[in-house]
All heavy atoms as atom14 arrays in JSON, in Angstrom:
{
  "sequence": "GLVGGHCIGVDPYYLTYKAKSIGYHPKIILAGRELNDKMGSYVALEL",
  "atom14_mask": [
    [1, 1, 1, 1, 0, 0, 0, 0, 0, 0, 0, 0, 0, 0],
    [1, 1, 1, 1, 1, 1, 1, 1, 0, 0, 0, 0, 0, 0],
    [1, 1, 1, 1, 1, 1, 1, 0, 0, 0, 0, 0, 0, 0],
    [1, 1, 1, 1, 0, 0, 0, 0, 0, 0, 0, 0, 0, 0],
    [1, 1, 1, 1, 0, 0, 0, 0, 0, 0, 0, 0, 0, 0],
    [1, 1, 1, 1, 1, 1, 1, 1, 1, 1, 0, 0, 0, 0],
    [1, 1, 1, 1, 1, 1, 0, 0, 0, 0, 0, 0, 0, 0],
    [1, 1, 1, 1, 1, 1, 1, 1, 0, 0, 0, 0, 0, 0],
    [1, 1, 1, 1, 0, 0, 0, 0, 0, 0, 0, 0, 0, 0],
    [1, 1, 1, 1, 1, 1, 1, 0, 0, 0, 0, 0, 0, 0],
    [1, 1, 1, 1, 1, 1, 1, 1, 0, 0, 0, 0, 0, 0],
    [1, 1, 1, 1, 1, 1, 1, 0, 0, 0, 0, 0, 0, 0],
    [1, 1, 1, 1, 1, 1, 1, 1, 1, 1, 1, 1, 0, 0],
    [1, 1, 1, 1, 1, 1, 1, 1, 1, 1, 1, 1, 0, 0],
    [1, 1, 1, 1, 1, 1, 1, 1, 0, 0, 0, 0, 0, 0],
    [1, 1, 1, 1, 1, 1, 1, 0, 0, 0, 0, 0, 0, 0],
    [1, 1, 1, 1, 1, 1, 1, 1, 1, 1, 1, 1, 0, 0],
    [1, 1, 1, 1, 1, 1, 1, 1, 1, 0, 0, 0, 0, 0],
    [1, 1, 1, 1, 1, 0, 0, 0, 0, 0, 0, 0, 0, 0],
    [1, 1, 1, 1, 1, 1, 1, 1, 1, 0, 0, 0, 0, 0],
    [1, 1, 1, 1, 1, 1, 0, 0, 0, 0, 0, 0, 0, 0],
    [1, 1, 1, 1, 1, 1, 1, 1, 0, 0, 0, 0, 0, 0],
    [1, 1, 1, 1, 0, 0, 0, 0, 0, 0, 0, 0, 0, 0],
    [1, 1, 1, 1, 1, 1, 1, 1, 1, 1, 1, 1, 0, 0],
    [1, 1, 1, 1, 1, 1, 1, 1, 1, 1, 0, 0, 0, 0],
    [1, 1, 1, 1, 1, 1, 1, 0, 0, 0, 0, 0, 0, 0],
    [1, 1, 1, 1, 1, 1, 1, 1, 1, 0, 0, 0, 0, 0],
    [1, 1, 1, 1, 1, 1, 1, 1, 0, 0, 0, 0, 0, 0],
    [1, 1, 1, 1, 1, 1, 1, 1, 0, 0, 0, 0, 0, 0],
    [1, 1, 1, 1, 1, 1, 1, 1, 0, 0, 0, 0, 0, 0],
    [1, 1, 1, 1, 1, 0, 0, 0, 0, 0, 0, 0, 0, 0],
    [1, 1, 1, 1, 0, 0, 0, 0, 0, 0, 0, 0, 0, 0],
    [1, 1, 1, 1, 1, 1, 1, 1, 1, 1, 1, 0, 0, 0],
    [1, 1, 1, 1, 1, 1, 1, 1, 1, 0, 0, 0, 0, 0],
    [1, 1, 1, 1, 1, 1, 1, 1, 0, 0, 0, 0, 0, 0],
    [1, 1, 1, 1, 1, 1, 1, 1, 0, 0, 0, 0, 0, 0],
    [1, 1, 1, 1, 1, 1, 1, 1, 0, 0, 0, 0, 0, 0],
    [1, 1, 1, 1, 1, 1, 1, 1, 1, 0, 0, 0, 0, 0],
    [1, 1, 1, 1, 1, 1, 1, 1, 0, 0, 0, 0, 0, 0],
    [1, 1, 1, 1, 0, 0, 0, 0, 0, 0, 0, 0, 0, 0],
    [1, 1, 1, 1, 1, 1, 0, 0, 0, 0, 0, 0, 0, 0],
    [1, 1, 1, 1, 1, 1, 1, 1, 1, 1, 1, 1, 0, 0],
    [1, 1, 1, 1, 1, 1, 1, 0, 0, 0, 0, 0, 0, 0],
    [1, 1, 1, 1, 1, 0, 0, 0, 0, 0, 0, 0, 0, 0],
    [1, 1, 1, 1, 1, 1, 1, 1, 0, 0, 0, 0, 0, 0],
    [1, 1, 1, 1, 1, 1, 1, 1, 1, 0, 0, 0, 0, 0],
    [1, 1, 1, 1, 1, 1, 1, 1, 0, 0, 0, 0, 0, 0]
  ],
  "atom14_positions": [
    [[-7.87, -0.41, 10.84], [-9.03, -0.39, 9.95], [-8.67, -0.65, 8.53], [-7.44, -0.78, 8.16], [0.0, 0.0, 0.0], [0.0, 0.0, 0.0], [0.0, 0.0, 0.0], [0.0, 0.0, 0.0], [0.0, 0.0, 0.0], [0.0, 0.0, 0.0], [0.0, 0.0, 0.0], [0.0, 0.0, 0.0], [0.0, 0.0, 0.0], [0.0, 0.0, 0.0]],
    [[-9.73, -0.77, 7.76], [-9.58, -0.8, 6.28], [-9.13, 0.5, 5.68], [-9.68, 1.58, 6.04], [-10.81, -1.21, 5.67], [-11.42, -2.61, 6.17], [-12.78, -2.82, 5.55], [-10.51, -3.73, 5.84], [0.0, 0.0, 0.0], [0.0, 0.0, 0.0], [0.0, 0.0, 0.0], [0.0, 0.0, 0.0], [0.0, 0.0, 0.0], [0.0, 0.0, 0.0]],
    [[-8.2, 0.46, 4.8], [-7.64, 1.69, 4.2], [-8.12, 1.67, 2.75], [-7.76, 0.81, 1.98], [-6.16, 1.86, 4.25], [-5.64, 3.07, 3.55], [-5.63, 1.81, 5.69], [0.0, 0.0, 0.0], [0.0, 0.0, 0.0], [0.0, 0.0, 0.0], [0.0, 0.0, 0.0], [0.0, 0.0, 0.0], [0.0, 0.0, 0.0], [0.0, 0.0, 0.0]],
    [[-8.86, 2.71, 2.33], [-9.28, 2.87, 0.96], [-9.52, 4.24, 0.59], [-8.9, 5.23, 1.21], [0.0, 0.0, 0.0], [0.0, 0.0, 0.0], [0.0, 0.0, 0.0], [0.0, 0.0, 0.0], [0.0, 0.0, 0.0], [0.0, 0.0, 0.0], [0.0, 0.0, 0.0], [0.0, 0.0, 0.0], [0.0, 0.0, 0.0], [0.0, 0.0, 0.0]],
    [[-10.28, 4.58, -0.41], [-10.57, 5.96, -0.93], [-9.66, 6.21, -2.05], [-8.74, 5.49, -2.45], [0.0, 0.0, 0.0], [0.0, 0.0, 0.0], [0.0, 0.0, 0.0], [0.0, 0.0, 0.0], [0.0, 0.0, 0.0], [0.0, 0.0, 0.0], [0.0, 0.0, 0.0], [0.0, 0.0, 0.0], [0.0, 0.0, 0.0], [0.0, 0.0, 0.0]],
    [[-9.79, 7.46, -2.51], [-9.0, 7.91, -3.63], [-7.69, 8.59, -3.24], [-6.96, 9.1, -4.12], [-9.86, 8.92, -4.45], [-10.37, 10.08, -3.76], [-9.74, 11.26, -3.68], [-11.42, 10.19, -2.93], [-10.37, 12.08, -2.85], [-11.39, 11.47, -2.44], [0.0, 0.0, 0.0], [0.0, 0.0, 0.0], [0.0, 0.0, 0.0], [0.0, 0.0, 0.0]],
    [[-7.38, 8.6, -1.94], [-6.13, 9.34, -1.51], [-5.19, 8.35, -0.84], [-4.11, 8.01, -1.36], [-6.46, 10.48, -0.6], [-7.23, 11.84, -1.5], [0.0, 0.0, 0.0], [0.0, 0.0, 0.0], [0.0, 0.0, 0.0], [0.0, 0.0, 0.0], [0.0, 0.0, 0.0], [0.0, 0.0, 0.0], [0.0, 0.0, 0.0], [0.0, 0.0, 0.0]],
    [[-5.44, 7.92, 0.4], [-4.51, 7.17, 1.2], [-4.13, 5.85, 0.58], [-2.97, 5.46, 0.61], [-5.15, 6.94, 2.62], [-5.46, 8.25, 3.4], [-4.16, 6.13, 3.49], [-6.1, 8.08, 4.69], [0.0, 0.0, 0.0], [0.0, 0.0, 0.0], [0.0, 0.0, 0.0], [0.0, 0.0, 0.0], [0.0, 0.0, 0.0], [0.0, 0.0, 0.0]],
    [[-5.15, 5.21, -0.06], [-4.87, 3.91, -0.64], [-4.17, 4.01, -2.01], [-3.87, 3.0, -2.68], [0.0, 0.0, 0.0], [0.0, 0.0, 0.0], [0.0, 0.0, 0.0], [0.0, 0.0, 0.0], [0.0, 0.0, 0.0], [0.0, 0.0, 0.0], [0.0, 0.0, 0.0], [0.0, 0.0, 0.0], [0.0, 0.0, 0.0], [0.0, 0.0, 0.0]],
    [[-4.09, 5.22, -2.57], [-3.5, 5.45, -3.9], [-2.27, 6.24, -3.98], [-1.31, 5.83, -4.66], [-4.64, 6.25, -4.71], [-4.12, 6.63, -6.08], [-5.9, 5.35, -4.92], [0.0, 0.0, 0.0], [0.0, 0.0, 0.0], [0.0, 0.0, 0.0], [0.0, 0.0, 0.0], [0.0, 0.0, 0.0], [0.0, 0.0, 0.0], [0.0, 0.0, 0.0]],
    [[-2.19, 7.31, -3.19], [-1.06, 8.24, -3.29], [0.25, 7.67, -3.08], [1.25, 7.97, -3.74], [-1.3, 9.45, -2.32], [-2.47, 10.37, -2.67], [-3.1, 10.05, -3.74], [-2.76, 11.24, -1.94], [0.0, 0.0, 0.0], [0.0, 0.0, 0.0], [0.0, 0.0, 0.0], [0.0, 0.0, 0.0], [0.0, 0.0, 0.0], [0.0, 0.0, 0.0]],
    [[0.43, 6.77, -2.08], [1.83, 6.07, -1.9], [2.28, 5.44, -3.2], [3.49, 5.37, -3.42], [1.53, 5.1, -0.8], [0.43, 5.64, -0.01], [-0.48, 6.22, -1.08], [0.0, 0.0, 0.0], [0.0, 0.0, 0.0], [0.0, 0.0, 0.0], [0.0, 0.0, 0.0], [0.0, 0.0, 0.0], [0.0, 0.0, 0.0], [0.0, 0.0, 0.0]],
    [[1.4, 4.84, -4.0], [1.83, 4.21, -5.22], [2.38, 5.16, -6.21], [3.21, 4.81, -7.04], [0.65, 3.39, -5.88], [0.35, 2.13, -5.08], [-0.9, 1.92, -4.59], [1.34, 1.12, -4.93], [-1.18, 0.72, -3.88], [1.1, -0.05, -4.29], [-0.24, -0.22, -3.73], [-0.43, -1.43, -3.05], [0.0, 0.0, 0.0], [0.0, 0.0, 0.0]],
    [[1.92, 6.43, -6.27], [2.5, 7.44, -7.1], [3.97, 7.77, -6.66], [4.8, 7.9, -7.57], [1.68, 8.71, -6.95], [0.49, 8.8, -7.94], [-0.6, 7.99, -7.69], [0.51, 9.55, -9.14], [-1.67, 7.97, -8.61], [-0.49, 9.5, -10.05], [-1.65, 8.73, -9.78], [-2.59, 8.73, -10.67], [0.0, 0.0, 0.0], [0.0, 0.0, 0.0]],
    [[4.23, 7.76, -5.42], [5.53, 8.01, -4.89], [6.45, 6.81, -5.22], [7.64, 7.0, -5.66], [5.59, 8.33, -3.39], [6.84, 8.76, -2.77], [7.43, 9.96, -3.55], [6.66, 9.12, -1.26], [0.0, 0.0, 0.0], [0.0, 0.0, 0.0], [0.0, 0.0, 0.0], [0.0, 0.0, 0.0], [0.0, 0.0, 0.0], [0.0, 0.0, 0.0]],
    [[6.03, 5.6, -4.97], [6.77, 4.44, -5.22], [7.07, 4.25, -6.66], [8.13, 3.74, -7.02], [6.13, 3.18, -4.55], [4.85, 3.01, -5.14], [6.12, 3.38, -3.08], [0.0, 0.0, 0.0], [0.0, 0.0, 0.0], [0.0, 0.0, 0.0], [0.0, 0.0, 0.0], [0.0, 0.0, 0.0], [0.0, 0.0, 0.0], [0.0, 0.0, 0.0]],
    [[6.1, 4.6, -7.53], [6.28, 4.53, -8.94], [7.46, 5.45, -9.36], [8.28, 4.98, -10.17], [5.01, 4.95, -9.71], [5.13, 5.1, -11.17], [5.14, 3.97, -12.01], [5.37, 6.37, -11.76], [5.2, 4.22, -13.43], [5.43, 6.55, -13.1], [5.4, 5.43, -13.93], [5.59, 5.66, -15.3], [0.0, 0.0, 0.0], [0.0, 0.0, 0.0]],
    [[7.45, 6.64, -8.91], [8.55, 7.57, -9.26], [9.89, 7.1, -8.67], [10.93, 7.17, -9.34], [8.25, 8.96, -8.67], [9.28, 10.07, -9.07], [9.39, 10.26, -10.51], [10.31, 11.34, -10.9], [10.51, 11.55, -12.34], [0.0, 0.0, 0.0], [0.0, 0.0, 0.0], [0.0, 0.0, 0.0], [0.0, 0.0, 0.0], [0.0, 0.0, 0.0]],
    [[9.85, 6.58, -7.43], [11.09, 6.06, -6.84], [11.67, 4.95, -7.72], [12.94, 4.97, -7.93], [10.76, 5.57, -5.47], [0.0, 0.0, 0.0], [0.0, 0.0, 0.0], [0.0, 0.0, 0.0], [0.0, 0.0, 0.0], [0.0, 0.0, 0.0], [0.0, 0.0, 0.0], [0.0, 0.0, 0.0], [0.0, 0.0, 0.0], [0.0, 0.0, 0.0]],
    [[10.91, 3.98, -8.15], [11.38, 2.83, -9.0], [11.89, 3.43, -10.28], [12.81, 2.83, -10.85], [10.25, 1.83, -9.19], [9.87, 1.14, -7.98], [8.74, 0.16, -8.23], [8.21, -0.61, -7.03], [7.11, -1.4, -7.3], [0.0, 0.0, 0.0], [0.0, 0.0, 0.0], [0.0, 0.0, 0.0], [0.0, 0.0, 0.0], [0.0, 0.0, 0.0]],
    [[11.29, 4.45, -10.85], [11.74, 4.91, -12.16], [13.09, 5.55, -12.1], [13.79, 5.72, -13.17], [10.69, 5.97, -12.69], [10.9, 7.24, -12.02], [0.0, 0.0, 0.0], [0.0, 0.0, 0.0], [0.0, 0.0, 0.0], [0.0, 0.0, 0.0], [0.0, 0.0, 0.0], [0.0, 0.0, 0.0], [0.0, 0.0, 0.0], [0.0, 0.0, 0.0]],
    [[13.52, 5.97, -10.94], [14.89, 6.58, -10.77], [15.84, 5.56, -10.13], [16.96, 5.96, -9.68], [14.88, 7.96, -10.0], [14.31, 7.66, -8.59], [14.09, 8.95, -10.72], [14.45, 8.97, -7.74], [0.0, 0.0, 0.0], [0.0, 0.0, 0.0], [0.0, 0.0, 0.0], [0.0, 0.0, 0.0], [0.0, 0.0, 0.0], [0.0, 0.0, 0.0]],
    [[15.42, 4.26, -10.02], [16.34, 3.21, -9.58], [16.31, 2.97, -8.11], [17.2, 2.29, -7.54], [0.0, 0.0, 0.0], [0.0, 0.0, 0.0], [0.0, 0.0, 0.0], [0.0, 0.0, 0.0], [0.0, 0.0, 0.0], [0.0, 0.0, 0.0], [0.0, 0.0, 0.0], [0.0, 0.0, 0.0], [0.0, 0.0, 0.0], [0.0, 0.0, 0.0]],
    [[15.27, 3.55, -7.32], [15.29, 3.28, -5.9], [14.08, 2.44, -5.6], [12.96, 2.79, -5.96], [15.23, 4.58, -5.15], [15.17, 4.39, -3.6], [16.31, 4.05, -2.88], [13.96, 4.46, -2.89], [16.21, 3.75, -1.54], [13.89, 4.21, -1.56], [15.02, 3.88, -0.87], [14.96, 3.6, 0.48], [0.0, 0.0, 0.0], [0.0, 0.0, 0.0]],
    [[14.24, 1.37, -4.9], [13.19, 0.43, -4.51], [12.7, 0.67, -3.06], [13.47, 0.31, -2.11], [13.5, -1.02, -4.68], [12.38, -1.94, -4.46], [11.43, -2.24, -5.39], [11.98, -2.69, -3.3], [10.53, -3.02, -4.92], [10.8, -3.35, -3.66], [0.0, 0.0, 0.0], [0.0, 0.0, 0.0], [0.0, 0.0, 0.0], [0.0, 0.0, 0.0]],
    [[11.68, 1.41, -2.88], [11.2, 1.81, -1.47], [10.82, 0.56, -0.74], [10.13, -0.32, -1.29], [10.11, 2.72, -1.65], [9.57, 2.46, -3.09], [10.71, 1.91, -3.83], [0.0, 0.0, 0.0], [0.0, 0.0, 0.0], [0.0, 0.0, 0.0], [0.0, 0.0, 0.0], [0.0, 0.0, 0.0], [0.0, 0.0, 0.0], [0.0, 0.0, 0.0]],
    [[11.2, 0.47, 0.52], [10.92, -0.69, 1.37], [9.78, -0.44, 2.29], [8.8, -1.22, 2.38], [12.2, -1.14, 2.08], [13.29, -1.55, 1.15], [14.63, -1.79, 1.93], [15.78, -2.09, 0.98], [16.14, -1.0, 0.05], [0.0, 0.0, 0.0], [0.0, 0.0, 0.0], [0.0, 0.0, 0.0], [0.0, 0.0, 0.0], [0.0, 0.0, 0.0]],
    [[9.91, 0.49, 3.16], [8.88, 0.82, 4.19], [7.54, 1.19, 3.57], [6.53, 0.73, 3.99], [9.41, 1.88, 5.14], [10.61, 1.44, 5.88], [8.31, 2.33, 6.11], [11.28, 2.5, 6.79], [0.0, 0.0, 0.0], [0.0, 0.0, 0.0], [0.0, 0.0, 0.0], [0.0, 0.0, 0.0], [0.0, 0.0, 0.0], [0.0, 0.0, 0.0]],
    [[7.58, 2.07, 2.61], [6.3, 2.53, 1.97], [5.55, 1.37, 1.44], [4.34, 1.2, 1.58], [6.58, 3.59, 0.91], [7.29, 4.79, 1.51], [5.26, 4.02, 0.24], [7.7, 5.78, 0.48], [0.0, 0.0, 0.0], [0.0, 0.0, 0.0], [0.0, 0.0, 0.0], [0.0, 0.0, 0.0], [0.0, 0.0, 0.0], [0.0, 0.0, 0.0]],
    [[6.23, 0.46, 0.62], [5.58, -0.69, -0.03], [5.09, -1.72, 1.02], [4.08, -2.34, 0.85], [6.51, -1.28, -1.05], [6.66, -0.52, -2.35], [7.75, -1.15, -3.18], [5.42, -0.42, -3.08], [0.0, 0.0, 0.0], [0.0, 0.0, 0.0], [0.0, 0.0, 0.0], [0.0, 0.0, 0.0], [0.0, 0.0, 0.0], [0.0, 0.0, 0.0]],
    [[5.93, -1.85, 2.1], [5.51, -2.82, 3.16], [4.22, -2.31, 3.77], [3.29, -3.2, 4.01], [6.66, -2.92, 4.16], [0.0, 0.0, 0.0], [0.0, 0.0, 0.0], [0.0, 0.0, 0.0], [0.0, 0.0, 0.0], [0.0, 0.0, 0.0], [0.0, 0.0, 0.0], [0.0, 0.0, 0.0], [0.0, 0.0, 0.0], [0.0, 0.0, 0.0]],
    [[4.07, -1.08, 4.06], [2.85, -0.55, 4.65], [1.69, -0.73, 3.68], [0.61, -1.13, 4.11], [0.0, 0.0, 0.0], [0.0, 0.0, 0.0], [0.0, 0.0, 0.0], [0.0, 0.0, 0.0], [0.0, 0.0, 0.0], [0.0, 0.0, 0.0], [0.0, 0.0, 0.0], [0.0, 0.0, 0.0], [0.0, 0.0, 0.0], [0.0, 0.0, 0.0]],
    [[1.85, -0.42, 2.37], [0.82, -0.59, 1.42], [0.39, -2.07, 1.31], [-0.81, -2.33, 1.28], [1.31, -0.14, 0.07], [1.04, 1.15, -0.41], [-0.29, 1.74, -0.68], [-1.14, 1.84, 0.46], [-2.36, 1.12, 0.48], [-2.74, 0.41, -0.51], [-3.12, 1.31, 1.56], [0.0, 0.0, 0.0], [0.0, 0.0, 0.0], [0.0, 0.0, 0.0]],
    [[1.32, -2.93, 1.29], [0.97, -4.43, 1.17], [0.14, -4.85, 2.35], [-0.8, -5.57, 2.2], [2.33, -5.2, 1.07], [2.02, -6.66, 0.88], [3.32, -7.54, 0.81], [4.39, -7.01, 1.04], [3.16, -8.77, 0.57], [0.0, 0.0, 0.0], [0.0, 0.0, 0.0], [0.0, 0.0, 0.0], [0.0, 0.0, 0.0], [0.0, 0.0, 0.0]],
    [[0.54, -4.44, 3.58], [-0.16, -4.85, 4.74], [-1.56, -4.3, 4.71], [-2.6, -5.03, 4.98], [0.56, -4.36, 6.04], [0.06, -4.96, 7.35], [1.27, -5.07, 8.29], [-1.06, -4.15, 8.03], [0.0, 0.0, 0.0], [0.0, 0.0, 0.0], [0.0, 0.0, 0.0], [0.0, 0.0, 0.0], [0.0, 0.0, 0.0], [0.0, 0.0, 0.0]],
    [[-1.7, -2.99, 4.43], [-3.04, -2.4, 4.35], [-3.91, -3.01, 3.26], [-5.13, -3.14, 3.44], [-2.98, -0.9, 4.2], [-2.63, -0.2, 5.48], [-2.8, -0.74, 6.56], [-2.11, 1.02, 5.35], [0.0, 0.0, 0.0], [0.0, 0.0, 0.0], [0.0, 0.0, 0.0], [0.0, 0.0, 0.0], [0.0, 0.0, 0.0], [0.0, 0.0, 0.0]],
    [[-3.33, -3.35, 2.1], [-4.04, -3.97, 1.04], [-4.63, -5.35, 1.43], [-5.62, -5.79, 0.9], [-3.18, -4.1, -0.24], [-3.12, -2.83, -1.03], [-3.97, -1.95, -0.82], [-2.26, -2.72, -1.87], [0.0, 0.0, 0.0], [0.0, 0.0, 0.0], [0.0, 0.0, 0.0], [0.0, 0.0, 0.0], [0.0, 0.0, 0.0], [0.0, 0.0, 0.0]],
    [[-3.94, -6.05, 2.38], [-4.32, -7.34, 2.72], [-5.29, -7.43, 3.91], [-5.78, -8.47, 4.31], [-3.14, -8.2, 3.07], [-2.2, -8.49, 1.91], [-1.05, -9.38, 2.29], [-0.21, -9.8, 1.01], [0.99, -10.66, 1.42], [0.0, 0.0, 0.0], [0.0, 0.0, 0.0], [0.0, 0.0, 0.0], [0.0, 0.0, 0.0], [0.0, 0.0, 0.0]],
    [[-5.7, -6.22, 4.47], [-6.48, -6.22, 5.64], [-7.93, -6.72, 5.31], [-8.57, -7.21, 6.23], [-6.59, -4.76, 6.2], [-5.32, -4.37, 6.99], [-5.03, -5.44, 8.41], [-6.41, -5.14, 9.48], [0.0, 0.0, 0.0], [0.0, 0.0, 0.0], [0.0, 0.0, 0.0], [0.0, 0.0, 0.0], [0.0, 0.0, 0.0], [0.0, 0.0, 0.0]],
    [[-8.35, -6.53, 4.1], [-9.75, -7.01, 3.71], [-9.72, -8.58, 3.82], [-10.69, -9.11, 4.4], [0.0, 0.0, 0.0], [0.0, 0.0, 0.0], [0.0, 0.0, 0.0], [0.0, 0.0, 0.0], [0.0, 0.0, 0.0], [0.0, 0.0, 0.0], [0.0, 0.0, 0.0], [0.0, 0.0, 0.0], [0.0, 0.0, 0.0], [0.0, 0.0, 0.0]],
    [[-8.73, -9.2, 3.4], [-8.65, -10.66, 3.46], [-8.55, -11.07, 4.93], [-9.19, -12.08, 5.3], [-7.38, -11.2, 2.68], [-7.44, -10.9, 1.31], [0.0, 0.0, 0.0], [0.0, 0.0, 0.0], [0.0, 0.0, 0.0], [0.0, 0.0, 0.0], [0.0, 0.0, 0.0], [0.0, 0.0, 0.0], [0.0, 0.0, 0.0], [0.0, 0.0, 0.0]],
    [[-7.76, -10.33, 5.72], [-7.63, -10.67, 7.12], [-8.98, -10.56, 7.86], [-9.29, -11.45, 8.61], [-6.61, -9.71, 7.82], [-6.56, -9.85, 9.26], [-5.93, -10.9, 9.86], [-7.19, -8.89, 10.09], [-5.82, -10.99, 11.25], [-7.09, -8.92, 11.47], [-6.49, -9.98, 12.06], [-6.46, -10.1, 13.41], [0.0, 0.0, 0.0], [0.0, 0.0, 0.0]],
    [[-9.72, -9.51, 7.56], [-11.06, -9.34, 8.18], [-11.92, -10.49, 7.87], [-12.61, -11.05, 8.71], [-11.64, -7.97, 7.76], [-13.12, -7.92, 8.15], [-10.9, -6.82, 8.48], [0.0, 0.0, 0.0], [0.0, 0.0, 0.0], [0.0, 0.0, 0.0], [0.0, 0.0, 0.0], [0.0, 0.0, 0.0], [0.0, 0.0, 0.0], [0.0, 0.0, 0.0]],
    [[-12.02, -10.83, 6.55], [-12.92, -11.87, 6.09], [-12.53, -13.2, 6.77], [-13.45, -13.98, 7.28], [-12.86, -12.02, 4.57], [0.0, 0.0, 0.0], [0.0, 0.0, 0.0], [0.0, 0.0, 0.0], [0.0, 0.0, 0.0], [0.0, 0.0, 0.0], [0.0, 0.0, 0.0], [0.0, 0.0, 0.0], [0.0, 0.0, 0.0], [0.0, 0.0, 0.0]],
    [[-11.24, -13.53, 6.82], [-10.83, -14.78, 7.42], [-11.11, -14.83, 8.87], [-11.52, -15.86, 9.41], [-9.33, -14.92, 7.14], [-8.74, -16.3, 7.6], [-9.43, -17.47, 6.84], [-7.25, -16.33, 7.29], [0.0, 0.0, 0.0], [0.0, 0.0, 0.0], [0.0, 0.0, 0.0], [0.0, 0.0, 0.0], [0.0, 0.0, 0.0], [0.0, 0.0, 0.0]],
    [[-10.94, -13.7, 9.65], [-11.22, -13.67, 11.11], [-12.65, -13.87, 11.31], [-13.07, -14.6, 12.25], [-10.71, -12.3, 11.67], [-9.21, -12.2, 11.83], [-8.69, -13.22, 12.85], [-9.07, -13.22, 13.94], [-7.82, -14.05, 12.3], [0.0, 0.0, 0.0], [0.0, 0.0, 0.0], [0.0, 0.0, 0.0], [0.0, 0.0, 0.0], [0.0, 0.0, 0.0]],
    [[-13.53, -13.3, 10.46], [-14.97, -13.55, 10.59], [-15.34, -15.04, 10.37], [-16.05, -15.55, 11.18], [-15.75, -12.69, 9.63], [-17.3, -12.74, 9.57], [-17.85, -12.48, 10.89], [-17.82, -11.89, 8.51], [0.0, 0.0, 0.0], [0.0, 0.0, 0.0], [0.0, 0.0, 0.0], [0.0, 0.0, 0.0], [0.0, 0.0, 0.0], [0.0, 0.0, 0.0]]
  ]
}
């Protein structure tokens, strides 16, 4: 489904922001975020 709201679609970016600030580039977390962020485009295109 579409992932949104003030928690699930936001909170991971707080963690990845902190990770990057200490020199660690998170892979899995950002990959999941990117996929979920693109689901809106996928739904529109499928329709």
